[in-house]
PDB file of all heavy atoms in Angstrom:
ATOM      1  N   LYS A   1       0.814  -1.219   0.005  1.00  0.00           N
ATOM      2  CA  LYS A   1       0.004   0.000   0.003  1.00  0.00           C
ATOM      3  C   LYS A   1       0.843   1.263  -0.001  1.00  0.00           C
ATOM      4  O   LYS A   1       0.328   2.358  -0.192  1.00  0.00           O
ATOM      5  CB  LYS A   1      -0.972  -0.021   1.166  1.00  0.00           C
ATOM      6  CG  LYS A   1      -2.060  -1.076   0.992  1.00  0.00           C
ATOM      7  CD  LYS A   1      -3.032  -1.053   2.158  1.00  0.00           C
ATOM      8  CE  LYS A   1      -3.988  -2.218   2.065  1.00  0.00           C
ATOM      9  NZ  LYS A   1      -3.450  -3.440   2.644  1.00  0.00           N
ATOM     10  N   MET A   2       2.152   1.151   0.185  1.00  0.00           N
ATOM     11  CA  MET A   2       3.041   2.319   0.051  1.00  0.00           C
ATOM     12  C   MET A   2       2.850   2.941  -1.330  1.00  0.00           C
ATOM     13  O   MET A   2       3.019   4.138  -1.503  1.00  0.00           O
ATOM     14  CB  MET A   2       4.506   1.920   0.209  1.00  0.00           C
ATOM     15  CG  MET A   2       4.978   1.688   1.620  1.00  0.00           C
ATOM     16  SD  MET A   2       5.116   3.190   2.593  1.00  0.00           S
ATOM     17  CE  MET A   2       6.522   3.969   1.837  1.00  0.00           C
ATOM     18  N   GLY A   3       2.482   2.127  -2.302  1.00  0.00           N
ATOM     19  CA  GLY A   3       2.248   2.641  -3.648  1.00  0.00           C
ATOM     20  C   GLY A   3       1.152   3.697  -3.701  1.00  0.00           C
ATOM     21  O   GLY A   3       1.185   4.589  -4.535  1.00  0.00           O
ATOM     22  N   ILE A   4       0.195   3.621  -2.808  1.00  0.00           N
ATOM     23  CA  ILE A   4      -0.900   4.603  -2.757  1.00  0.00           C
ATOM     24  C   ILE A   4      -0.395   5.912  -2.132  1.00  0.00           C
ATOM     25  O   ILE A   4      -0.811   7.002  -2.520  1.00  0.00           O
ATOM     26  CB  ILE A   4      -2.099   4.058  -1.942  1.00  0.00           C
ATOM     27  CG1 ILE A   4      -2.698   2.838  -2.636  1.00  0.00           C
ATOM     28  CG2 ILE A   4      -3.141   5.145  -1.730  1.00  0.00           C
ATOM     29  CD1 ILE A   4      -3.728   2.103  -1.806  1.00  0.00           C
ATOM     30  N   GLU A   5       0.493   5.795  -1.175  1.00  0.00           N
ATOM     31  CA  GLU A   5       0.911   6.950  -0.372  1.00  0.00           C
ATOM     32  C   GLU A   5       1.970   7.826  -1.033  1.00  0.00           C
ATOM     33  O   GLU A   5       2.097   8.996  -0.682  1.00  0.00           O
ATOM     34  CB  GLU A   5       1.437   6.457   0.975  1.00  0.00           C
ATOM     35  CG  GLU A   5       0.358   5.718   1.763  1.00  0.00           C
ATOM     36  CD  GLU A   5       0.885   5.093   3.042  1.00  0.00           C
ATOM     37  OE1 GLU A   5       1.786   5.705   3.665  1.00  0.00           O
ATOM     38  OE2 GLU A   5       0.422   4.014   3.405  1.00  0.00           O
ATOM     39  N   LEU A   6       2.731   7.308  -1.970  1.00  0.00           N
ATOM     40  CA  LEU A   6       3.862   8.048  -2.523  1.00  0.00           C
ATOM     41  C   LEU A   6       3.552   8.947  -3.726  1.00  0.00           C
ATOM     42  O   LEU A   6       4.099  10.055  -3.794  1.00  0.00           O
ATOM     43  CB  LEU A   6       5.001   7.078  -2.826  1.00  0.00           C
ATOM     44  CG  LEU A   6       5.500   6.312  -1.590  1.00  0.00           C
ATOM     45  CD1 LEU A   6       6.569   5.296  -1.982  1.00  0.00           C
ATOM     46  CD2 LEU A   6       5.974   7.230  -0.493  1.00  0.00           C
ATOM     47  N   PRO A   7       2.720   8.552  -4.679  1.00  0.00           N
ATOM     48  CA  PRO A   7       2.429   9.459  -5.793  1.00  0.00           C
ATOM     49  C   PRO A   7       1.885  10.823  -5.381  1.00  0.00           C
ATOM     50  O   PRO A   7       2.245  11.831  -5.999  1.00  0.00           O
ATOM     51  CB  PRO A   7       1.437   8.666  -6.660  1.00  0.00           C
ATOM     52  CG  PRO A   7       1.800   7.234  -6.393  1.00  0.00           C
ATOM     53  CD  PRO A   7       2.137   7.216  -4.910  1.00  0.00           C
ATOM     54  N   PRO A   8       1.050  10.933  -4.328  1.00  0.00           N
ATOM     55  CA  PRO A   8       0.605  12.274  -3.924  1.00  0.00           C
ATOM     56  C   PRO A   8       1.779  13.187  -3.504  1.00  0.00           C
ATOM     57  O   PRO A   8       1.640  14.404  -3.527  1.00  0.00           O
ATOM     58  CB  PRO A   8      -0.329  11.997  -2.729  1.00  0.00           C
ATOM     59  CG  PRO A   8      -0.891  10.643  -3.006  1.00  0.00           C
ATOM     60  CD  PRO A   8       0.287   9.890  -3.598  1.00  0.00           C
ATOM     61  N   LEU A   9       2.912  12.584  -3.171  1.00  0.00           N
ATOM     62  CA  LEU A   9       4.105  13.355  -2.811  1.00  0.00           C
ATOM     63  C   LEU A   9       4.972  13.641  -4.035  1.00  0.00           C
ATOM     64  O   LEU A   9       6.046  14.218  -3.916  1.00  0.00           O
ATOM     65  CB  LEU A   9       4.931  12.594  -1.775  1.00  0.00           C
ATOM     66  CG  LEU A   9       4.221  12.229  -0.463  1.00  0.00           C
ATOM     67  CD1 LEU A   9       5.102  11.352   0.411  1.00  0.00           C
ATOM     68  CD2 LEU A   9       3.774  13.487   0.262  1.00  0.00           C
ATOM     69  N   GLY A  10       4.492  13.216  -5.227  1.00  0.00           N
ATOM     70  CA  GLY A  10       5.251  13.433  -6.459  1.00  0.00           C
ATOM     71  C   GLY A  10       6.320  12.391  -6.727  1.00  0.00           C
ATOM     72  O   GLY A  10       7.173  12.604  -7.582  1.00  0.00           O
ATOM     73  N   ILE A  11       6.289  11.276  -5.997  1.00  0.00           N
ATOM     74  CA  ILE A  11       7.302  10.232  -6.151  1.00  0.00           C
ATOM     75  C   ILE A  11       6.806   9.204  -7.164  1.00  0.00           C
ATOM     76  O   ILE A  11       5.763   8.582  -6.957  1.00  0.00           O
ATOM     77  CB  ILE A  11       7.591   9.566  -4.798  1.00  0.00           C
ATOM     78  CG1 ILE A  11       8.104  10.616  -3.803  1.00  0.00           C
ATOM     79  CG2 ILE A  11       8.589   8.424  -4.960  1.00  0.00           C
ATOM     80  CD1 ILE A  11       8.153  10.140  -2.355  1.00  0.00           C
ATOM     81  N   PRO A  12       7.551   9.002  -8.279  1.00  0.00           N
ATOM     82  CA  PRO A  12       7.156   7.995  -9.266  1.00  0.00           C
ATOM     83  C   PRO A  12       7.215   6.583  -8.670  1.00  0.00           C
ATOM     84  O   PRO A  12       8.178   6.234  -7.995  1.00  0.00           O
ATOM     85  CB  PRO A  12       8.191   8.140 -10.374  1.00  0.00           C
ATOM     86  CG  PRO A  12       8.845   9.464 -10.158  1.00  0.00           C
ATOM     87  CD  PRO A  12       8.755   9.722  -8.686  1.00  0.00           C
ATOM     88  N   VAL A  13       6.170   5.796  -8.927  1.00  0.00           N
ATOM     89  CA  VAL A  13       6.087   4.439  -8.424  1.00  0.00           C
ATOM     90  C   VAL A  13       5.973   3.464  -9.603  1.00  0.00           C
ATOM     91  O   VAL A  13       5.067   3.599 -10.434  1.00  0.00           O
ATOM     92  CB  VAL A  13       4.893   4.247  -7.464  1.00  0.00           C
ATOM     93  CG1 VAL A  13       4.763   2.791  -7.034  1.00  0.00           C
ATOM     94  CG2 VAL A  13       5.042   5.152  -6.245  1.00  0.00           C
ATOM     95  N   ILE A  14       6.886   2.511  -9.646  1.00  0.00           N
ATOM     96  CA  ILE A  14       6.845   1.425 -10.610  1.00  0.00           C
ATOM     97  C   ILE A  14       6.124   0.267  -9.924  1.00  0.00           C
ATOM     98  O   ILE A  14       6.539  -0.175  -8.848  1.00  0.00           O
ATOM     99  CB  ILE A  14       8.268   0.991 -11.032  1.00  0.00           C
ATOM    100  CG1 ILE A  14       9.030   2.165 -11.640  1.00  0.00           C
ATOM    101  CG2 ILE A  14       8.202  -0.206 -11.999  1.00  0.00           C
ATOM    102  CD1 ILE A  14      10.526   1.908 -11.812  1.00  0.00           C
ATOM    103  N   VAL A  15       5.047  -0.214 -10.537  1.00  0.00           N
ATOM    104  CA  VAL A  15       4.238  -1.290  -9.966  1.00  0.00           C
ATOM    105  C   VAL A  15       4.540  -2.581 -10.718  1.00  0.00           C
ATOM    106  O   VAL A  15       4.291  -2.670 -11.910  1.00  0.00           O
ATOM    107  CB  VAL A  15       2.739  -0.942 -10.056  1.00  0.00           C
ATOM    108  CG1 VAL A  15       1.892  -2.106  -9.555  1.00  0.00           C
ATOM    109  CG2 VAL A  15       2.437   0.315  -9.281  1.00  0.00           C
ATOM    110  N   ALA A  16       5.055  -3.580  -9.979  1.00  0.00           N
ATOM    111  CA  ALA A  16       5.415  -4.837 -10.625  1.00  0.00           C
ATOM    112  C   ALA A  16       4.370  -5.940 -10.400  1.00  0.00           C
ATOM    113  O   ALA A  16       4.318  -6.896 -11.143  1.00  0.00           O
ATOM    114  CB  ALA A  16       6.777  -5.314 -10.119  1.00  0.00           C
ATOM    115  N   GLY A  17       3.549  -5.786  -9.380  1.00  0.00           N
ATOM    116  CA  GLY A  17       2.486  -6.754  -9.108  1.00  0.00           C
ATOM    117  C   GLY A  17       1.140  -6.140  -9.433  1.00  0.00           C
ATOM    118  O   GLY A  17       1.065  -5.079 -10.058  1.00  0.00           O
ATOM    119  N   ASP A  18       0.096  -6.799  -9.002  1.00  0.00           N
ATOM    120  CA  ASP A  18      -1.240  -6.259  -9.254  1.00  0.00           C
ATOM    121  C   ASP A  18      -1.677  -5.438  -8.047  1.00  0.00           C
ATOM    122  O   ASP A  18      -2.538  -5.841  -7.280  1.00  0.00           O
ATOM    123  CB  ASP A  18      -2.218  -7.394  -9.581  1.00  0.00           C
ATOM    124  CG  ASP A  18      -1.911  -8.004 -10.927  1.00  0.00           C
ATOM    125  OD1 ASP A  18      -1.480  -7.237 -11.810  1.00  0.00           O
ATOM    126  OD2 ASP A  18      -2.092  -9.205 -11.096  1.00  0.00           O
ATOM    127  N   SER A  19      -1.061  -4.286  -7.932  1.00  0.00           N
ATOM    128  CA  SER A  19      -1.280  -3.396  -6.817  1.00  0.00           C
ATOM    129  C   SER A  19      -2.574  -2.619  -6.961  1.00  0.00           C
ATOM    130  O   SER A  19      -3.125  -2.521  -8.049  1.00  0.00           O
ATOM    131  CB  SER A  19      -0.103  -2.412  -6.746  1.00  0.00           C
ATOM    132  OG  SER A  19      -0.270  -1.487  -5.734  1.00  0.00           O
ATOM    133  N   TRP A  20      -3.012  -2.011  -5.852  1.00  0.00           N
ATOM    134  CA  TRP A  20      -4.228  -1.187  -5.847  1.00  0.00           C
ATOM    135  C   TRP A  20      -4.143  -0.051  -6.864  1.00  0.00           C
ATOM    136  O   TRP A  20      -5.169   0.376  -7.371  1.00  0.00           O
ATOM    137  CB  TRP A  20      -4.446  -0.597  -4.458  1.00  0.00           C
ATOM    138  CG  TRP A  20      -4.632  -1.628  -3.385  1.00  0.00           C
ATOM    139  CD1 TRP A  20      -3.708  -2.023  -2.467  1.00  0.00           C
ATOM    140  CD2 TRP A  20      -5.803  -2.391  -3.118  1.00  0.00           C
ATOM    141  NE1 TRP A  20      -4.224  -2.997  -1.647  1.00  0.00           N
ATOM    142  CE2 TRP A  20      -5.528  -3.228  -2.029  1.00  0.00           C
ATOM    143  CE3 TRP A  20      -7.073  -2.443  -3.706  1.00  0.00           C
ATOM    144  CZ2 TRP A  20      -6.459  -4.111  -1.503  1.00  0.00           C
ATOM    145  CZ3 TRP A  20      -8.001  -3.327  -3.163  1.00  0.00           C
ATOM    146  CH2 TRP A  20      -7.702  -4.140  -2.083  1.00  0.00           C
ATOM    147  N   ILE A  21      -2.953   0.469  -7.119  1.00  0.00           N
ATOM    148  CA  ILE A  21      -2.850   1.653  -8.008  1.00  0.00           C
ATOM    149  C   ILE A  21      -2.615   1.284  -9.474  1.00  0.00           C
ATOM    150  O   ILE A  21      -2.641   2.176 -10.328  1.00  0.00           O
ATOM    151  CB  ILE A  21      -1.739   2.608  -7.529  1.00  0.00           C
ATOM    152  CG1 ILE A  21      -0.348   1.998  -7.617  1.00  0.00           C
ATOM    153  CG2 ILE A  21      -2.036   3.106  -6.125  1.00  0.00           C
ATOM    154  CD1 ILE A  21       0.776   3.005  -7.380  1.00  0.00           C
ATOM    155  N   ARG A  22      -2.422   0.018  -9.787  1.00  0.00           N
ATOM    156  CA  ARG A  22      -2.180  -0.382 -11.178  1.00  0.00           C
ATOM    157  C   ARG A  22      -3.339   0.118 -12.083  1.00  0.00           C
ATOM    158  O   ARG A  22      -4.495  -0.039 -11.759  1.00  0.00           O
ATOM    159  CB  ARG A  22      -2.074  -1.904 -11.293  1.00  0.00           C
ATOM    160  CG  ARG A  22      -1.891  -2.385 -12.721  1.00  0.00           C
ATOM    161  CD  ARG A  22      -1.815  -3.890 -12.820  1.00  0.00           C
ATOM    162  NE  ARG A  22      -0.505  -4.395 -12.450  1.00  0.00           N
ATOM    163  CZ  ARG A  22       0.561  -4.355 -13.225  1.00  0.00           C
ATOM    164  NH1 ARG A  22       0.483  -3.826 -14.430  1.00  0.00           N
ATOM    165  NH2 ARG A  22       1.707  -4.839 -12.829  1.00  0.00           N
ATOM    166  N   GLY A  23      -2.937   0.734 -13.175  1.00  0.00           N
ATOM    167  CA  GLY A  23      -3.913   1.148 -14.177  1.00  0.00           C
ATOM    168  C   GLY A  23      -4.737   2.361 -13.829  1.00  0.00           C
ATOM    169  O   GLY A  23      -5.683   2.677 -14.538  1.00  0.00           O
ATOM    170  N   LYS A  24      -4.354   3.080 -12.791  1.00  0.00           N
ATOM    171  CA  LYS A  24      -5.149   4.250 -12.375  1.00  0.00           C
ATOM    172  C   LYS A  24      -4.637   5.549 -13.017  1.00  0.00           C
ATOM    173  O   LYS A  24      -5.211   6.597 -12.823  1.00  0.00           O
ATOM    174  CB  LYS A  24      -5.133   4.397 -10.848  1.00  0.00           C
ATOM    175  CG  LYS A  24      -5.694   3.227 -10.089  1.00  0.00           C
ATOM    176  CD  LYS A  24      -7.171   3.030 -10.349  1.00  0.00           C
ATOM    177  CE  LYS A  24      -7.806   1.999  -9.457  1.00  0.00           C
ATOM    178  NZ  LYS A  24      -7.536   0.622  -9.741  1.00  0.00           N
ATOM    179  N   GLY A  25      -3.524   5.474 -13.759  1.00  0.00           N
ATOM    180  CA  GLY A  25      -3.047   6.658 -14.492  1.00  0.00           C
ATOM    181  C   GLY A  25      -1.956   7.447 -13.813  1.00  0.00           C
ATOM    182  O   GLY A  25      -1.549   8.482 -14.315  1.00  0.00           O
ATOM    183  N   PHE A  26      -1.457   6.968 -12.673  1.00  0.00           N
ATOM    184  CA  PHE A  26      -0.389   7.704 -12.002  1.00  0.00           C
ATOM    185  C   PHE A  26       0.726   6.790 -11.506  1.00  0.00           C
ATOM    186  O   PHE A  26       1.507   7.156 -10.637  1.00  0.00           O
ATOM    187  CB  PHE A  26      -0.942   8.547 -10.843  1.00  0.00           C
ATOM    188  CG  PHE A  26      -1.790   7.789  -9.854  1.00  0.00           C
ATOM    189  CD1 PHE A  26      -1.194   7.128  -8.774  1.00  0.00           C
ATOM    190  CD2 PHE A  26      -3.163   7.752  -9.977  1.00  0.00           C
ATOM    191  CE1 PHE A  26      -1.959   6.433  -7.870  1.00  0.00           C
ATOM    192  CE2 PHE A  26      -3.945   7.062  -9.073  1.00  0.00           C
ATOM    193  CZ  PHE A  26      -3.339   6.394  -8.009  1.00  0.00           C
ATOM    194  N   SER A  27       0.827   5.597 -12.089  1.00  0.00           N
ATOM    195  CA  SER A  27       1.925   4.691 -11.765  1.00  0.00           C
ATOM    196  C   SER A  27       2.544   4.180 -13.074  1.00  0.00           C
ATOM    197  O   SER A  27       1.958   4.290 -14.140  1.00  0.00           O
ATOM    198  CB  SER A  27       1.436   3.517 -10.917  1.00  0.00           C
ATOM    199  OG  SER A  27       0.458   2.769 -11.628  1.00  0.00           O
ATOM    200  N   TYR A  28       3.749   3.656 -12.960  1.00  0.00           N
ATOM    201  CA  TYR A  28       4.417   3.016 -14.084  1.00  0.00           C
ATOM    202  C   TYR A  28       4.232   1.522 -13.920  1.00  0.00           C
ATOM    203  O   TYR A  28       4.841   0.904 -13.057  1.00  0.00           O
ATOM    204  CB  TYR A  28       5.903   3.399 -14.114  1.00  0.00           C
ATOM    205  CG  TYR A  28       6.119   4.848 -14.482  1.00  0.00           C
ATOM    206  CD1 TYR A  28       6.149   5.848 -13.516  1.00  0.00           C
ATOM    207  CD2 TYR A  28       6.250   5.213 -15.817  1.00  0.00           C
ATOM    208  CE1 TYR A  28       6.321   7.179 -13.869  1.00  0.00           C
ATOM    209  CE2 TYR A  28       6.431   6.546 -16.179  1.00  0.00           C
ATOM    210  CZ  TYR A  28       6.454   7.519 -15.191  1.00  0.00           C
ATOM    211  OH  TYR A  28       6.625   8.832 -15.552  1.00  0.00           O
ATOM    212  N   ASP A  29       3.342   0.956 -14.716  1.00  0.00           N
ATOM    213  CA  ASP A  29       2.945  -0.434 -14.557  1.00  0.00           C
ATOM    214  C   ASP A  29       3.772  -1.387 -15.402  1.00  0.00           C
ATOM    215  O   ASP A  29       3.863  -1.226 -16.619  1.00  0.00           O
ATOM    216  CB  ASP A  29       1.459  -0.596 -14.920  1.00  0.00           C
ATOM    217  CG  ASP A  29       0.553   0.292 -14.081  1.00  0.00           C
ATOM    218  OD1 ASP A  29       0.976   0.726 -12.994  1.00  0.00           O
ATOM    219  OD2 ASP A  29      -0.588   0.526 -14.512  1.00  0.00           O
ATOM    220  N   VAL A  30       4.359  -2.376 -14.738  1.00  0.00           N
ATOM    221  CA  VAL A  30       5.105  -3.422 -15.431  1.00  0.00           C
ATOM    222  C   VAL A  30       4.098  -4.378 -16.046  1.00  0.00           C
ATOM    223  O   VAL A  30       3.197  -4.867 -15.381  1.00  0.00           O
ATOM    224  CB  VAL A  30       6.041  -4.173 -14.450  1.00  0.00           C
ATOM    225  CG1 VAL A  30       6.719  -5.353 -15.132  1.00  0.00           C
ATOM    226  CG2 VAL A  30       7.060  -3.218 -13.842  1.00  0.00           C
ATOM    227  N   ASN A  31       4.242  -4.603 -17.341  1.00  0.00           N
ATOM    228  CA  ASN A  31       3.402  -5.566 -18.045  1.00  0.00           C
ATOM    229  C   ASN A  31       4.201  -6.126 -19.207  1.00  0.00           C
ATOM    230  O   ASN A  31       5.400  -5.889 -19.308  1.00  0.00           O
ATOM    231  CB  ASN A  31       2.084  -4.906 -18.503  1.00  0.00           C
ATOM    232  CG  ASN A  31       2.314  -3.651 -19.316  1.00  0.00           C
ATOM    233  OD1 ASN A  31       3.214  -3.602 -20.161  1.00  0.00           O
ATOM    234  ND2 ASN A  31       1.516  -2.626 -19.070  1.00  0.00           N
ATOM    235  N   LYS A  32       3.553  -6.870 -20.063  1.00  0.00           N
ATOM    236  CA  LYS A  32       4.292  -7.499 -21.174  1.00  0.00           C
ATOM    237  C   LYS A  32       4.919  -6.466 -22.120  1.00  0.00           C
ATOM    238  O   LYS A  32       5.953  -6.724 -22.707  1.00  0.00           O
ATOM    239  CB  LYS A  32       3.362  -8.446 -21.927  1.00  0.00           C
ATOM    240  CG  LYS A  32       3.036  -9.684 -21.123  1.00  0.00           C
ATOM    241  CD  LYS A  32       2.075 -10.607 -21.876  1.00  0.00           C
ATOM    242  CE  LYS A  32       1.805 -11.879 -21.129  1.00  0.00           C
ATOM    243  NZ  LYS A  32       1.081 -11.714 -19.880  1.00  0.00           N
ATOM    244  N   GLN A  33       4.301  -5.294 -22.234  1.00  0.00           N
ATOM    245  CA  GLN A  33       4.839  -4.262 -23.122  1.00  0.00           C
ATOM    246  C   GLN A  33       5.918  -3.412 -22.439  1.00  0.00           C
ATOM    247  O   GLN A  33       6.848  -2.951 -23.096  1.00  0.00           O
ATOM    248  CB  GLN A  33       3.713  -3.326 -23.607  1.00  0.00           C
ATOM    249  CG  GLN A  33       2.683  -3.960 -24.477  1.00  0.00           C
ATOM    250  CD  GLN A  33       1.681  -4.788 -23.706  1.00  0.00           C
ATOM    251  OE1 GLN A  33       1.321  -4.473 -22.589  1.00  0.00           O
ATOM    252  NE2 GLN A  33       1.247  -5.892 -24.310  1.00  0.00           N
ATOM    253  N   ASN A  34       5.777  -3.180 -21.159  1.00  0.00           N
ATOM    254  CA  ASN A  34       6.722  -2.339 -20.415  1.00  0.00           C
ATOM    255  C   ASN A  34       7.384  -3.152 -19.319  1.00  0.00           C
ATOM    256  O   ASN A  34       6.818  -3.315 -18.245  1.00  0.00           O
ATOM    257  CB  ASN A  34       5.980  -1.145 -19.786  1.00  0.00           C
ATOM    258  CG  ASN A  34       5.342  -0.266 -20.824  1.00  0.00           C
ATOM    259  OD1 ASN A  34       6.003   0.214 -21.732  1.00  0.00           O
ATOM    260  ND2 ASN A  34       4.042  -0.069 -20.709  1.00  0.00           N
ATOM    261  N   SER A  35       8.559  -3.643 -19.600  1.00  0.00           N
ATOM    262  CA  SER A  35       9.227  -4.493 -18.624  1.00  0.00           C
ATOM    263  C   SER A  35       9.830  -3.653 -17.510  1.00  0.00           C
ATOM    264  O   SER A  35      10.078  -2.461 -17.645  1.00  0.00           O
ATOM    265  CB  SER A  35      10.336  -5.311 -19.307  1.00  0.00           C
ATOM    266  OG  SER A  35      11.419  -4.459 -19.653  1.00  0.00           O
ATOM    267  N   LEU A  36      10.081  -4.315 -16.392  1.00  0.00           N
ATOM    268  CA  LEU A  36      10.738  -3.656 -15.266  1.00  0.00           C
ATOM    269  C   LEU A  36      12.089  -3.092 -15.711  1.00  0.00           C
ATOM    270  O   LEU A  36      12.420  -1.951 -15.378  1.00  0.00           O
ATOM    271  CB  LEU A  36      10.903  -4.639 -14.105  1.00  0.00           C
ATOM    272  CG  LEU A  36      11.576  -4.107 -12.851  1.00  0.00           C
ATOM    273  CD1 LEU A  36      10.854  -2.888 -12.316  1.00  0.00           C
ATOM    274  CD2 LEU A  36      11.649  -5.199 -11.806  1.00  0.00           C
ATOM    275  N   GLU A  37      12.815  -3.847 -16.495  1.00  0.00           N
ATOM    276  CA  GLU A  37      14.125  -3.367 -16.944  1.00  0.00           C
ATOM    277  C   GLU A  37      14.005  -2.109 -17.798  1.00  0.00           C
ATOM    278  O   GLU A  37      14.827  -1.214 -17.698  1.00  0.00           O
ATOM    279  CB  GLU A  37      14.909  -4.447 -17.693  1.00  0.00           C
ATOM    280  CG  GLU A  37      16.285  -3.943 -18.044  1.00  0.00           C
ATOM    281  CD  GLU A  37      17.270  -5.049 -18.402  1.00  0.00           C
ATOM    282  OE1 GLU A  37      16.859  -6.202 -18.585  1.00  0.00           O
ATOM    283  OE2 GLU A  37      18.460  -4.714 -18.502  1.00  0.00           O
ATOM    284  N   SER A  38      12.983  -2.004 -18.623  1.00  0.00           N
ATOM    285  CA  SER A  38      12.839  -0.787 -19.439  1.00  0.00           C
ATOM    286  C   SER A  38      12.613   0.430 -18.569  1.00  0.00           C
ATOM    287  O   SER A  38      13.126   1.517 -18.871  1.00  0.00           O
ATOM    288  CB  SER A  38      11.729  -0.943 -20.483  1.00  0.00           C
ATOM    289  OG  SER A  38      10.445  -0.960 -19.893  1.00  0.00           O
ATOM    290  N   TYR A  39      11.887   0.281 -17.492  1.00  0.00           N
ATOM    291  CA  TYR A  39      11.689   1.413 -16.563  1.00  0.00           C
ATOM    292  C   TYR A  39      13.011   1.776 -15.867  1.00  0.00           C
ATOM    293  O   TYR A  39      13.317   2.950 -15.702  1.00  0.00           O
ATOM    294  CB  TYR A  39      10.616   1.123 -15.529  1.00  0.00           C
ATOM    295  CG  TYR A  39       9.217   1.133 -16.090  1.00  0.00           C
ATOM    296  CD1 TYR A  39       8.329   0.099 -15.829  1.00  0.00           C
ATOM    297  CD2 TYR A  39       8.751   2.199 -16.871  1.00  0.00           C
ATOM    298  CE1 TYR A  39       7.036   0.099 -16.344  1.00  0.00           C
ATOM    299  CE2 TYR A  39       7.471   2.211 -17.376  1.00  0.00           C
ATOM    300  CZ  TYR A  39       6.609   1.170 -17.109  1.00  0.00           C
ATOM    301  OH  TYR A  39       5.333   1.178 -17.604  1.00  0.00           O
ATOM    302  N   ILE A  40      13.778   0.775 -15.463  1.00  0.00           N
ATOM    303  CA  ILE A  40      15.060   1.032 -14.798  1.00  0.00           C
ATOM    304  C   ILE A  40      16.013   1.705 -15.790  1.00  0.00           C
ATOM    305  O   ILE A  40      16.687   2.672 -15.455  1.00  0.00           O
ATOM    306  CB  ILE A  40      15.684  -0.272 -14.245  1.00  0.00           C
ATOM    307  CG1 ILE A  40      14.740  -0.914 -13.222  1.00  0.00           C
ATOM    308  CG2 ILE A  40      17.059  -0.027 -13.665  1.00  0.00           C
ATOM    309  CD1 ILE A  40      14.330  -0.038 -12.082  1.00  0.00           C
TER     310      ILE A  40
END
């Protein structure tokens, strides 16, 4: 749930699992098109 608390502070969050914030428009979501390594 830290993923919910950090974007309001302007901190970019990369989501690798199926987190509460996935797909809400303010996280960097790891999926088949956007790998974790591409974000790093």
